[in-house]
Each structure stands twice: as C-alpha cells, then as structure tokens.
C-alpha cells in the first residue's frame, strides 16, 4: 500500500473516532519494527538465511575453482598454439583444442551467471516466506491483545510517510504495547538444551 494512501486512511480512521466520546475511544501504540527485531523467530530466520547464504558461497567458490582451472588450461593451449618450436601440425592441433576450450569457458561463464541468479532468487524467496510468516504471527498476537483489552485502534509508531516523517506525530499518555507484545511473542520460545557439565579430571 502506498504510504500516502496509508496515511490518508489513518487520518480518516482518526477523524471517525474523533466523533465518538473520549470515554468510548481506546487507542494503544506499538513499535512494530522493535517487535519484529526482538522476536526470536526473526533471529532464527536471520541465522538460517546466513547458513543458506554460506552454503551458496561455498558452492560458488567451488565452481570458480573449476572455472579458473579451465581458464588456465586455455592459456596453456594458447601458449602452445603460438610456440614456434612446435611443428605446424602440432600447433594446429593445439589451436583446435584451444577453440574448444574457449567455448567451454564461455559455457561455464553462462552457468556461473545462471547459478548466481538462481541462488539469489532462492534466497529472496526464502527470506520473503520467513518474513511473511513472522508478520502473520505478530498480527495474530496484536489482534488477540486488541480484542482482549477492548482497544478500538492499535497504531504502529515505527512507520514513516513518503516525506520521511513519522506517521504518528504526537501522542500523549497512550499505552505502549511494544514490551508486552515482545514478551508475548517470545513466550513460546523453545527451551535451549541444557549444557552437560564439564568432566572433572581425576586427582
């Protein structure tokens, strides 16, 4: 949703609520950026993405090693094809082999580009899926808190307009649910496995 449209809708909502009595209106704020950053699943997702990226880099480095080997072989064939100490027939054979090796190098360069594009897309898709799942988790918890505490509106204070201005310019004595939301989101965090005590040396 464009930021200008989101800001306009936000203004319409506030205007509509302004026509109700203050006693009936219940608004809270939350810093969703802070919640997202401190949610344990976000940290797990970041760790997982780093592992995937590390695997891709390792695979790419292996391919680059093979590529460099092919380039070196092509260079050797080029030198041999231009070696005046070799017979004309031998140099012609080396030239033929060189042309084949050059084509192999070009083909492998294309494979490297395709590999890079595919792995980048896989990483982006994985990141998008993880982010979407996290956002859905946060949204469900916010909705639950809103219904339980009968809030009419929960406003995200971390958003910015197209001009870089905060979407919430002023607030006074409104409850901030950020810490509560973080605690609720992390309440289901699995317990870390206990570390076995270090063995003691025999005296």
N, C-alpha and C. Protein backbone atom coordinates (compact mmCIF):
# COMPACT_ATOMS: atom_id res chain seq x y z
N UNK A 1 0.84 -1.19 0.00
CA UNK A 1 0.00 0.00 0.00
C UNK A 1 0.88 1.24 0.00
N UNK A 2 0.66 2.24 -0.91
CA UNK A 2 1.46 3.46 -0.91
C UNK A 2 1.37 4.18 0.42
N UNK A 3 2.47 4.80 0.83
CA UNK A 3 2.49 5.46 2.13
C UNK A 3 1.49 6.60 2.21
N UNK A 4 1.30 7.32 1.10
CA UNK A 4 0.35 8.43 1.10
C UNK A 4 -1.07 7.92 1.33
N UNK A 5 -1.41 6.79 0.72
CA UNK A 5 -2.73 6.20 0.89
C UNK A 5 -2.90 5.70 2.31
N UNK A 6 -1.84 5.05 2.84
CA UNK A 6 -1.91 4.55 4.21
C UNK A 6 -2.10 5.70 5.18
N UNK A 7 -1.39 6.82 4.95
CA UNK A 7 -1.52 7.99 5.82
C UNK A 7 -2.92 8.57 5.74
N UNK A 8 -3.48 8.63 4.52
CA UNK A 8 -4.82 9.16 4.34
C UNK A 8 -5.85 8.30 5.06
N UNK A 9 -5.72 6.99 4.93
CA UNK A 9 -6.65 6.09 5.60
C UNK A 9 -6.54 6.23 7.11
N UNK A 10 -5.31 6.40 7.58
CA UNK A 10 -5.10 6.58 9.01
C UNK A 10 -5.80 7.84 9.49
N UNK A 11 -5.72 8.92 8.72
CA UNK A 11 -6.36 10.18 9.08
C UNK A 11 -7.88 10.02 9.10
N UNK A 12 -8.42 9.29 8.12
CA UNK A 12 -9.87 9.06 8.08
C UNK A 12 -10.34 8.29 9.31
N UNK A 13 -9.54 7.26 9.69
CA UNK A 13 -9.90 6.48 10.87
C UNK A 13 -9.91 7.34 12.11
N UNK A 14 -8.88 8.17 12.27
CA UNK A 14 -8.82 9.04 13.45
C UNK A 14 -9.96 10.04 13.45
N UNK A 15 -10.31 10.56 12.28
CA UNK A 15 -11.42 11.51 12.19
C UNK A 15 -12.73 10.84 12.61
N UNK A 16 -12.91 9.60 12.17
CA UNK A 16 -14.13 8.87 12.51
C UNK A 16 -14.19 8.63 14.01
N UNK A 17 -13.05 8.26 14.60
CA UNK A 17 -13.04 8.02 16.04
C UNK A 17 -13.19 9.31 16.82
N UNK A 18 -12.78 10.43 16.21
CA UNK A 18 -12.88 11.72 16.92
C UNK A 18 -14.32 12.10 17.17
N UNK A 19 -15.24 11.55 16.40
CA UNK A 19 -16.66 11.85 16.57
C UNK A 19 -17.30 11.03 17.68
N UNK A 20 -16.56 10.07 18.24
CA UNK A 20 -17.07 9.31 19.37
C UNK A 20 -16.60 9.98 20.64
N UNK A 21 -17.20 9.64 21.74
CA UNK A 21 -16.82 10.25 23.02
C UNK A 21 -15.47 9.70 23.44
N UNK A 22 -14.71 10.52 24.18
CA UNK A 22 -13.38 10.13 24.64
C UNK A 22 -13.45 8.91 25.53
N UNK A 23 -14.54 8.77 26.25
CA UNK A 23 -14.68 7.64 27.17
C UNK A 23 -14.82 6.33 26.40
N UNK A 24 -15.35 6.40 25.21
CA UNK A 24 -15.56 5.20 24.41
C UNK A 24 -14.33 4.81 23.59
N UNK A 25 -13.44 5.78 23.35
CA UNK A 25 -12.30 5.55 22.47
C UNK A 25 -11.11 5.02 23.25
N UNK A 26 -10.56 3.90 22.75
CA UNK A 26 -9.41 3.28 23.41
C UNK A 26 -8.34 3.00 22.36
N UNK A 27 -7.20 3.71 22.48
CA UNK A 27 -6.12 3.60 21.49
C UNK A 27 -4.82 3.22 22.20
N UNK A 28 -4.04 2.37 21.55
CA UNK A 28 -2.72 1.99 22.06
C UNK A 28 -1.72 2.09 20.92
N UNK A 29 -0.46 2.15 21.27
CA UNK A 29 0.59 2.22 20.24
C UNK A 29 1.53 1.03 20.38
N UNK A 30 2.25 0.77 19.29
CA UNK A 30 3.24 -0.31 19.30
C UNK A 30 4.31 0.01 18.26
N UNK A 31 5.55 -0.28 18.60
CA UNK A 31 6.66 -0.10 17.66
C UNK A 31 6.91 -1.46 17.00
N UNK A 32 6.30 -1.66 15.83
CA UNK A 32 6.39 -2.96 15.16
C UNK A 32 7.81 -3.29 14.71
N UNK A 33 8.58 -2.28 14.38
CA UNK A 33 9.97 -2.54 13.99
C UNK A 33 10.75 -3.14 15.15
N UNK A 34 10.49 -2.63 16.35
CA UNK A 34 11.17 -3.16 17.54
C UNK A 34 10.69 -4.57 17.85
N UNK A 35 9.40 -4.81 17.68
CA UNK A 35 8.84 -6.14 17.92
C UNK A 35 9.43 -7.14 16.94
N UNK A 36 9.46 -6.77 15.67
CA UNK A 36 10.00 -7.65 14.63
C UNK A 36 11.45 -7.99 14.92
N UNK A 37 12.23 -6.99 15.32
CA UNK A 37 13.66 -7.19 15.56
C UNK A 37 13.92 -8.12 16.75
N UNK A 38 13.07 -8.02 17.77
CA UNK A 38 13.32 -8.77 19.00
C UNK A 38 12.55 -10.08 19.10
N UNK A 39 11.78 -10.42 18.08
CA UNK A 39 11.05 -11.69 18.06
C UNK A 39 12.05 -12.81 17.80
N UNK A 40 11.99 -13.86 18.60
CA UNK A 40 13.00 -14.92 18.50
C UNK A 40 12.99 -15.61 17.13
N UNK A 41 11.83 -15.66 16.49
CA UNK A 41 11.77 -16.29 15.17
C UNK A 41 12.47 -15.45 14.11
N UNK A 42 12.51 -14.13 14.32
CA UNK A 42 13.25 -13.27 13.39
C UNK A 42 14.73 -13.59 13.47
N UNK A 43 15.23 -13.77 14.69
CA UNK A 43 16.65 -14.09 14.86
C UNK A 43 16.96 -15.48 14.31
N UNK A 44 16.03 -16.41 14.51
CA UNK A 44 16.22 -17.75 13.94
C UNK A 44 16.24 -17.70 12.42
N UNK A 45 15.35 -16.89 11.84
CA UNK A 45 15.29 -16.76 10.39
C UNK A 45 16.57 -16.15 9.85
N UNK A 46 17.08 -15.12 10.53
CA UNK A 46 18.33 -14.49 10.11
C UNK A 46 19.47 -15.50 10.14
N UNK A 47 19.51 -16.31 11.19
CA UNK A 47 20.57 -17.32 11.31
C UNK A 47 20.46 -18.35 10.20
N UNK A 48 19.24 -18.76 9.90
CA UNK A 48 19.02 -19.76 8.85
C UNK A 48 19.41 -19.20 7.48
N UNK A 49 19.06 -17.94 7.22
CA UNK A 49 19.40 -17.33 5.94
C UNK A 49 20.91 -17.20 5.79
N UNK A 50 21.61 -16.92 6.87
CA UNK A 50 23.07 -16.83 6.82
C UNK A 50 23.68 -18.19 6.51
N UNK A 51 23.08 -19.25 7.07
CA UNK A 51 23.57 -20.60 6.77
C UNK A 51 23.38 -20.93 5.29
N UNK A 52 22.19 -20.58 4.76
CA UNK A 52 21.91 -20.85 3.35
C UNK A 52 22.87 -20.07 2.46
N UNK A 53 23.08 -18.78 2.80
CA UNK A 53 23.98 -17.94 2.02
C UNK A 53 25.41 -18.48 2.06
N UNK A 54 25.82 -18.96 3.23
CA UNK A 54 27.16 -19.54 3.37
C UNK A 54 27.31 -20.77 2.48
N UNK A 55 26.27 -21.60 2.42
CA UNK A 55 26.30 -22.78 1.55
C UNK A 55 26.39 -22.40 0.09
N UNK A 56 25.64 -21.35 -0.30
CA UNK A 56 25.68 -20.89 -1.68
C UNK A 56 27.08 -20.38 -2.04
N UNK A 57 27.68 -19.62 -1.12
CA UNK A 57 29.01 -19.07 -1.37
C UNK A 57 30.05 -20.18 -1.52
N UNK A 58 29.92 -21.20 -0.67
CA UNK A 58 30.85 -22.32 -0.74
C UNK A 58 30.72 -23.04 -2.09
N UNK A 59 29.47 -23.23 -2.51
CA UNK A 59 29.22 -23.89 -3.79
C UNK A 59 29.76 -23.05 -4.95
N UNK A 60 29.57 -21.74 -4.86
CA UNK A 60 30.03 -20.83 -5.91
C UNK A 60 31.56 -20.81 -5.97
N UNK A 61 32.19 -20.82 -4.81
CA UNK A 61 33.66 -20.83 -4.78
C UNK A 61 34.22 -22.10 -5.42
N UNK A 62 33.52 -23.23 -5.21
CA UNK A 62 33.94 -24.47 -5.85
C UNK A 62 33.84 -24.38 -7.36
N UNK A 63 32.77 -23.75 -7.83
CA UNK A 63 32.61 -23.58 -9.27
C UNK A 63 33.66 -22.63 -9.83
N UNK A 64 34.00 -21.58 -9.06
CA UNK A 64 35.02 -20.64 -9.50
C UNK A 64 36.39 -21.31 -9.59
N UNK A 65 36.66 -22.26 -8.69
CA UNK A 65 37.91 -23.01 -8.76
C UNK A 65 38.00 -23.80 -10.06
N UNK A 66 36.87 -24.45 -10.41
CA UNK A 66 36.83 -25.19 -11.68
C UNK A 66 36.97 -24.25 -12.88
N UNK A 67 36.34 -23.09 -12.77
CA UNK A 67 36.41 -22.10 -13.86
C UNK A 67 37.84 -21.63 -14.06
N UNK A 68 38.54 -21.32 -12.96
CA UNK A 68 39.91 -20.85 -13.07
C UNK A 68 40.82 -21.92 -13.67
N UNK A 69 40.53 -23.18 -13.33
CA UNK A 69 41.30 -24.28 -13.91
C UNK A 69 41.12 -24.33 -15.42
N UNK A 70 39.89 -24.13 -15.89
CA UNK A 70 39.62 -24.12 -17.32
C UNK A 70 40.32 -22.95 -18.01
N UNK A 71 40.30 -21.78 -17.35
CA UNK A 71 40.98 -20.61 -17.92
C UNK A 71 42.48 -20.85 -18.03
N UNK A 72 43.05 -21.47 -17.00
CA UNK A 72 44.48 -21.78 -17.02
C UNK A 72 44.82 -22.77 -18.15
N UNK A 73 43.94 -23.75 -18.34
CA UNK A 73 44.16 -24.72 -19.41
C UNK A 73 44.08 -24.06 -20.78
N UNK A 74 43.15 -23.10 -20.91
CA UNK A 74 43.03 -22.37 -22.18
C UNK A 74 44.29 -21.54 -22.42
N UNK A 75 44.81 -20.92 -21.36
CA UNK A 75 46.03 -20.13 -21.50
C UNK A 75 47.21 -20.99 -21.92
N UNK A 76 47.29 -22.18 -21.35
CA UNK A 76 48.38 -23.08 -21.71
C UNK A 76 48.27 -23.50 -23.17
N UNK A 77 47.08 -23.82 -23.61
CA UNK A 77 46.88 -24.20 -25.01
C UNK A 77 47.20 -23.05 -25.95
N UNK A 78 46.86 -21.81 -25.54
CA UNK A 78 47.17 -20.65 -26.38
C UNK A 78 48.68 -20.49 -26.55
N UNK A 79 49.39 -20.67 -25.42
CA UNK A 79 50.85 -20.57 -25.49
C UNK A 79 51.43 -21.65 -26.41
N UNK A 80 50.90 -22.85 -26.31
CA UNK A 80 51.41 -23.95 -27.13
C UNK A 80 51.07 -23.75 -28.60
N UNK A 81 49.89 -23.18 -28.85
CA UNK A 81 49.48 -22.94 -30.25
C UNK A 81 50.36 -21.88 -30.90
N UNK A 82 50.96 -21.01 -30.09
CA UNK A 82 51.82 -19.94 -30.62
C UNK A 82 53.31 -20.25 -30.43
N UNK A 83 53.62 -21.47 -30.01
CA UNK A 83 55.01 -21.84 -29.76
C UNK A 83 55.70 -22.18 -31.09
N UNK A 84 56.67 -21.36 -31.51
CA UNK A 84 57.34 -21.60 -32.80
C UNK A 84 58.23 -22.83 -32.80
N UNK A 85 58.53 -23.36 -31.62
CA UNK A 85 59.39 -24.55 -31.57
C UNK A 85 58.61 -25.81 -31.91
N UNK A 86 57.30 -25.71 -31.88
CA UNK A 86 56.47 -26.88 -32.21
C UNK A 86 56.21 -26.92 -33.71
N UNK A 87 55.93 -28.10 -34.21
CA UNK A 87 55.65 -28.25 -35.64
C UNK A 87 54.31 -27.61 -35.98
N UNK A 88 54.12 -27.32 -37.25
CA UNK A 88 52.88 -26.70 -37.71
C UNK A 88 51.68 -27.57 -37.39
N UNK A 89 51.84 -28.90 -37.56
CA UNK A 89 50.74 -29.82 -37.31
C UNK A 89 50.35 -29.81 -35.82
N UNK A 90 51.36 -29.82 -34.97
CA UNK A 90 51.10 -29.82 -33.52
C UNK A 90 50.43 -28.52 -33.11
N UNK A 91 50.91 -27.39 -33.65
CA UNK A 91 50.31 -26.10 -33.31
C UNK A 91 48.86 -26.02 -33.80
N UNK A 92 48.60 -26.60 -34.96
CA UNK A 92 47.23 -26.61 -35.49
C UNK A 92 46.31 -27.42 -34.58
N UNK A 93 46.84 -28.54 -34.07
CA UNK A 93 46.06 -29.36 -33.15
C UNK A 93 45.80 -28.62 -31.84
N UNK A 94 46.82 -27.90 -31.36
CA UNK A 94 46.65 -27.12 -30.12
C UNK A 94 45.63 -26.00 -30.32
N UNK A 95 45.66 -25.40 -31.51
CA UNK A 95 44.70 -24.33 -31.82
C UNK A 95 43.27 -24.87 -31.83
N UNK A 96 43.12 -26.06 -32.37
CA UNK A 96 41.80 -26.69 -32.40
C UNK A 96 41.30 -26.96 -30.98
N UNK A 97 42.22 -27.50 -30.17
CA UNK A 97 41.87 -27.76 -28.77
C UNK A 97 41.56 -26.46 -28.02
N UNK A 98 42.30 -25.40 -28.36
CA UNK A 98 42.10 -24.10 -27.73
C UNK A 98 40.70 -23.56 -28.01
N UNK A 99 40.27 -23.66 -29.26
CA UNK A 99 38.94 -23.16 -29.62
C UNK A 99 37.84 -23.91 -28.85
N UNK A 100 38.04 -25.22 -28.69
CA UNK A 100 37.07 -25.99 -27.92
C UNK A 100 37.07 -25.59 -26.46
N UNK A 101 38.28 -25.32 -25.92
CA UNK A 101 38.40 -24.92 -24.52
C UNK A 101 37.79 -23.54 -24.28
N UNK A 102 38.00 -22.64 -25.26
CA UNK A 102 37.41 -21.30 -25.15
C UNK A 102 35.89 -21.39 -25.11
N UNK A 103 35.31 -22.27 -25.92
CA UNK A 103 33.86 -22.45 -25.91
C UNK A 103 33.40 -23.02 -24.58
N UNK A 104 34.20 -23.94 -24.02
CA UNK A 104 33.87 -24.50 -22.71
C UNK A 104 33.87 -23.41 -21.63
N UNK A 105 34.85 -22.52 -21.72
CA UNK A 105 34.94 -21.41 -20.75
C UNK A 105 33.72 -20.51 -20.86
N UNK A 106 33.32 -20.18 -22.07
CA UNK A 106 32.15 -19.33 -22.26
C UNK A 106 30.89 -20.00 -21.73
N UNK A 107 30.75 -21.28 -22.00
CA UNK A 107 29.59 -22.01 -21.50
C UNK A 107 29.56 -22.02 -19.97
N UNK A 108 30.74 -22.19 -19.38
CA UNK A 108 30.81 -22.24 -17.92
C UNK A 108 30.54 -20.87 -17.31
N UNK A 109 30.96 -19.82 -18.00
CA UNK A 109 30.66 -18.46 -17.54
C UNK A 109 29.14 -18.25 -17.49
N UNK A 110 28.44 -18.78 -18.51
CA UNK A 110 26.98 -18.68 -18.52
C UNK A 110 26.38 -19.46 -17.35
N UNK A 111 26.94 -20.64 -17.07
CA UNK A 111 26.46 -21.44 -15.93
C UNK A 111 26.67 -20.70 -14.61
N UNK A 112 27.79 -20.00 -14.50
CA UNK A 112 28.07 -19.24 -13.28
C UNK A 112 27.04 -18.13 -13.09
N UNK A 113 26.72 -17.42 -14.17
CA UNK A 113 25.73 -16.34 -14.09
C UNK A 113 24.36 -16.89 -13.72
N UNK A 114 23.99 -18.00 -14.35
CA UNK A 114 22.68 -18.61 -14.06
C UNK A 114 22.62 -19.11 -12.62
N UNK A 115 23.72 -19.70 -12.16
CA UNK A 115 23.78 -20.18 -10.79
C UNK A 115 23.59 -19.02 -9.81
N UNK A 116 24.28 -17.93 -10.06
CA UNK A 116 24.19 -16.77 -9.18
C UNK A 116 22.77 -16.22 -9.14
N UNK A 117 22.13 -16.11 -10.32
CA UNK A 117 20.76 -15.59 -10.38
C UNK A 117 19.78 -16.52 -9.67
N UNK A 118 19.93 -17.83 -9.89
CA UNK A 118 19.02 -18.80 -9.27
C UNK A 118 19.15 -18.80 -7.75
N UNK A 119 20.40 -18.76 -7.27
CA UNK A 119 20.61 -18.79 -5.82
C UNK A 119 20.13 -17.50 -5.16
N UNK A 120 20.32 -16.38 -5.83
CA UNK A 120 19.81 -15.11 -5.29
C UNK A 120 18.28 -15.15 -5.19
N UNK A 121 17.65 -15.69 -6.22
CA UNK A 121 16.18 -15.78 -6.21
C UNK A 121 15.72 -16.72 -5.10
N UNK A 122 16.41 -17.85 -4.94
CA UNK A 122 16.05 -18.79 -3.88
C UNK A 122 16.16 -18.14 -2.51
N UNK A 123 17.23 -17.37 -2.32
CA UNK A 123 17.44 -16.69 -1.04
C UNK A 123 16.37 -15.64 -0.80
N UNK A 124 16.03 -14.88 -1.84
CA UNK A 124 14.99 -13.85 -1.72
C UNK A 124 13.64 -14.48 -1.42
N UNK A 125 13.32 -15.59 -2.12
CA UNK A 125 12.05 -16.28 -1.89
C UNK A 125 11.98 -16.82 -0.47
N UNK A 126 13.06 -17.41 0.00
CA UNK A 126 13.11 -17.96 1.36
C UNK A 126 12.94 -16.84 2.38
N UNK A 127 13.61 -15.72 2.15
CA UNK A 127 13.51 -14.58 3.06
C UNK A 127 12.08 -14.04 3.09
N UNK A 128 11.44 -13.96 1.93
CA UNK A 128 10.06 -13.45 1.85
C UNK A 128 9.10 -14.36 2.59
N UNK A 129 9.27 -15.69 2.43
CA UNK A 129 8.39 -16.63 3.12
C UNK A 129 8.54 -16.52 4.64
N UNK A 130 9.79 -16.43 5.08
CA UNK A 130 10.04 -16.32 6.52
C UNK A 130 9.45 -15.01 7.07
N UNK A 131 9.67 -13.92 6.36
CA UNK A 131 9.17 -12.62 6.80
C UNK A 131 7.64 -12.62 6.85
N UNK A 132 7.01 -13.21 5.84
CA UNK A 132 5.55 -13.26 5.81
C UNK A 132 5.01 -14.03 7.00
N UNK A 133 5.64 -15.16 7.33
CA UNK A 133 5.19 -15.97 8.47
C UNK A 133 5.35 -15.20 9.78
N UNK A 134 6.45 -14.47 9.91
CA UNK A 134 6.68 -13.69 11.13
C UNK A 134 5.66 -12.57 11.26
N UNK A 135 5.40 -11.87 10.16
CA UNK A 135 4.42 -10.79 10.18
C UNK A 135 3.04 -11.32 10.54
N UNK A 136 2.69 -12.49 10.03
CA UNK A 136 1.39 -13.09 10.36
C UNK A 136 1.32 -13.43 11.84
N UNK A 137 2.41 -13.96 12.41
CA UNK A 137 2.45 -14.26 13.84
C UNK A 137 2.21 -13.00 14.66
N UNK A 138 2.91 -11.93 14.31
CA UNK A 138 2.78 -10.68 15.05
C UNK A 138 1.36 -10.13 14.92
N UNK A 139 0.80 -10.20 13.72
CA UNK A 139 -0.55 -9.69 13.51
C UNK A 139 -1.59 -10.42 14.35
N UNK A 140 -1.44 -11.74 14.47
CA UNK A 140 -2.39 -12.52 15.28
C UNK A 140 -2.31 -12.14 16.75
N UNK A 141 -1.10 -11.94 17.25
CA UNK A 141 -0.94 -11.58 18.66
C UNK A 141 -1.49 -10.18 18.92
N UNK A 142 -1.24 -9.25 18.01
CA UNK A 142 -1.79 -7.90 18.16
C UNK A 142 -3.31 -7.93 18.18
N UNK A 143 -3.87 -8.72 17.27
CA UNK A 143 -5.33 -8.83 17.22
C UNK A 143 -5.87 -9.42 18.53
N UNK A 144 -5.16 -10.41 19.06
CA UNK A 144 -5.59 -11.01 20.32
C UNK A 144 -5.55 -10.03 21.47
N UNK A 145 -4.47 -9.26 21.55
CA UNK A 145 -4.36 -8.26 22.62
C UNK A 145 -5.43 -7.19 22.45
N UNK A 146 -5.65 -6.76 21.21
CA UNK A 146 -6.66 -5.74 20.97
C UNK A 146 -8.05 -6.17 21.39
N UNK A 147 -8.40 -7.43 21.08
CA UNK A 147 -9.72 -7.93 21.45
C UNK A 147 -9.83 -8.15 22.96
N UNK A 148 -8.76 -8.66 23.56
CA UNK A 148 -8.79 -8.94 25.00
C UNK A 148 -8.93 -7.65 25.81
N UNK A 149 -8.23 -6.61 25.40
CA UNK A 149 -8.24 -5.35 26.15
C UNK A 149 -9.20 -4.32 25.58
N UNK A 150 -9.96 -4.74 24.58
CA UNK A 150 -11.01 -3.88 24.01
C UNK A 150 -10.47 -2.56 23.45
N UNK A 151 -9.33 -2.64 22.74
CA UNK A 151 -8.83 -1.43 22.08
C UNK A 151 -9.60 -1.22 20.78
N UNK A 152 -9.90 0.05 20.49
CA UNK A 152 -10.52 0.37 19.21
C UNK A 152 -9.47 0.47 18.10
N UNK A 153 -8.25 0.86 18.48
CA UNK A 153 -7.22 1.10 17.49
C UNK A 153 -5.84 0.88 18.12
N UNK A 154 -4.99 0.13 17.41
CA UNK A 154 -3.59 -0.05 17.81
C UNK A 154 -2.74 0.50 16.67
N UNK A 155 -1.94 1.51 16.97
CA UNK A 155 -1.22 2.27 15.94
C UNK A 155 0.26 1.91 15.97
N UNK A 156 0.83 1.67 14.78
CA UNK A 156 2.26 1.40 14.64
C UNK A 156 3.01 2.73 14.60
N UNK A 157 3.88 2.98 15.56
CA UNK A 157 4.62 4.23 15.63
C UNK A 157 5.95 4.18 14.86
N UNK A 158 6.28 3.04 14.27
CA UNK A 158 7.57 2.93 13.58
C UNK A 158 7.48 3.30 12.10
N UNK A 159 6.25 3.52 11.60
CA UNK A 159 6.08 3.81 10.19
C UNK A 159 6.49 5.24 9.82
N UNK A 160 6.83 5.45 8.55
CA UNK A 160 7.20 6.77 8.05
C UNK A 160 6.38 7.09 6.81
N UNK A 161 6.14 8.38 6.58
CA UNK A 161 5.45 8.82 5.38
C UNK A 161 6.46 8.92 4.23
N UNK A 162 5.98 9.27 3.04
CA UNK A 162 6.87 9.43 1.89
C UNK A 162 7.88 10.54 2.12
N UNK A 163 7.54 11.50 2.99
CA UNK A 163 8.44 12.60 3.28
C UNK A 163 9.42 12.27 4.40
N UNK A 164 9.37 11.02 4.88
CA UNK A 164 10.27 10.62 5.95
C UNK A 164 9.81 11.05 7.32
N UNK A 165 8.59 11.54 7.43
CA UNK A 165 8.04 11.96 8.72
C UNK A 165 7.35 10.77 9.39
N UNK A 166 7.37 10.70 10.73
CA UNK A 166 6.64 9.64 11.42
C UNK A 166 5.15 9.73 11.13
N UNK A 167 4.51 8.57 10.98
CA UNK A 167 3.06 8.60 10.75
C UNK A 167 2.31 9.07 12.00
N UNK A 168 2.91 8.85 13.16
CA UNK A 168 2.33 9.34 14.42
C UNK A 168 3.19 10.51 14.88
N UNK A 169 2.68 11.73 14.73
CA UNK A 169 3.46 12.92 15.04
C UNK A 169 3.41 13.29 16.53
N UNK A 170 2.35 12.88 17.21
CA UNK A 170 2.22 13.24 18.62
C UNK A 170 1.32 12.22 19.31
N UNK A 171 1.71 11.86 20.53
CA UNK A 171 0.87 11.01 21.35
C UNK A 171 1.05 11.43 22.79
N UNK A 172 0.00 11.29 23.56
CA UNK A 172 0.04 11.75 24.95
C UNK A 172 -0.69 10.75 25.84
N UNK A 173 0.09 10.09 26.70
CA UNK A 173 -0.48 9.16 27.69
C UNK A 173 -1.24 7.99 27.05
N UNK A 174 -0.76 7.55 25.89
CA UNK A 174 -1.34 6.36 25.29
C UNK A 174 -0.52 5.14 25.70
N UNK A 175 -1.16 4.04 26.02
CA UNK A 175 -0.40 2.83 26.39
C UNK A 175 0.43 2.31 25.23
N UNK A 176 1.67 1.96 25.52
CA UNK A 176 2.57 1.40 24.52
C UNK A 176 2.67 -0.11 24.77
N UNK A 177 2.29 -0.89 23.76
CA UNK A 177 2.22 -2.34 23.91
C UNK A 177 3.49 -3.05 23.43
N UNK A 178 4.53 -2.30 23.08
CA UNK A 178 5.71 -2.90 22.47
C UNK A 178 6.32 -3.99 23.36
N UNK A 179 6.63 -3.66 24.61
CA UNK A 179 7.28 -4.63 25.50
C UNK A 179 6.37 -5.82 25.78
N UNK A 180 5.09 -5.55 25.95
CA UNK A 180 4.14 -6.64 26.19
C UNK A 180 4.06 -7.56 24.98
N UNK A 181 4.06 -6.97 23.80
CA UNK A 181 3.97 -7.76 22.58
C UNK A 181 5.22 -8.61 22.39
N UNK A 182 6.38 -8.03 22.66
CA UNK A 182 7.64 -8.78 22.54
C UNK A 182 7.64 -9.96 23.51
N UNK A 183 7.22 -9.70 24.76
CA UNK A 183 7.19 -10.76 25.76
C UNK A 183 6.22 -11.87 25.36
N UNK A 184 5.07 -11.49 24.83
CA UNK A 184 4.07 -12.48 24.41
C UNK A 184 4.58 -13.30 23.23
N UNK A 185 5.22 -12.61 22.27
CA UNK A 185 5.74 -13.31 21.10
C UNK A 185 6.82 -14.31 21.48
N UNK A 186 7.63 -13.97 22.48
CA UNK A 186 8.75 -14.82 22.86
C UNK A 186 8.40 -15.83 23.95
N UNK A 187 7.15 -15.80 24.41
CA UNK A 187 6.75 -16.74 25.46
C UNK A 187 6.78 -18.18 24.98
N UNK A 188 6.57 -18.38 23.70
CA UNK A 188 6.57 -19.74 23.15
C UNK A 188 7.92 -20.20 22.65
N UNK A 189 8.96 -19.47 23.01
CA UNK A 189 10.31 -19.84 22.55
C UNK A 189 10.73 -21.17 23.16
N UNK A 190 11.17 -22.12 22.34
CA UNK A 190 11.60 -23.42 22.87
C UNK A 190 12.79 -23.25 23.81
N UNK A 191 12.80 -24.07 24.85
CA UNK A 191 13.90 -24.01 25.80
C UNK A 191 15.17 -24.52 25.16
N UNK A 192 16.28 -23.86 25.42
CA UNK A 192 17.56 -24.29 24.88
C UNK A 192 18.03 -25.54 25.61
N UNK A 193 18.63 -26.49 24.88
CA UNK A 193 19.10 -27.71 25.53
C UNK A 193 20.14 -27.41 26.60
N UNK A 194 20.03 -28.15 27.69
CA UNK A 194 20.97 -27.94 28.80
C UNK A 194 22.36 -28.38 28.39
N UNK A 195 23.36 -27.64 28.85
CA UNK A 195 24.74 -27.96 28.55
C UNK A 195 25.26 -28.96 29.59
N UNK A 196 25.86 -30.04 29.09
CA UNK A 196 26.37 -31.07 30.01
C UNK A 196 27.54 -30.50 30.81
N UNK A 197 27.64 -30.80 32.10
CA UNK A 197 28.73 -30.30 32.91
C UNK A 197 30.06 -30.87 32.44
N UNK A 198 31.08 -30.04 32.56
CA UNK A 198 32.42 -30.47 32.13
C UNK A 198 32.94 -31.57 33.02
N UNK A 199 33.59 -32.55 32.41
CA UNK A 199 34.12 -33.66 33.19
C UNK A 199 35.31 -33.18 34.04
N UNK A 200 35.36 -33.66 35.26
CA UNK A 200 36.44 -33.27 36.16
C UNK A 200 37.61 -34.25 36.01
N UNK A 201 38.78 -33.71 36.09
CA UNK A 201 39.98 -34.54 35.99
C UNK A 201 40.19 -35.33 37.27
N UNK A 202 40.61 -36.58 37.13
CA UNK A 202 40.94 -37.34 38.34
C UNK A 202 42.18 -36.78 38.99
N UNK A 203 42.12 -36.68 40.30
CA UNK A 203 43.27 -36.15 41.06
C UNK A 203 44.39 -37.17 41.12
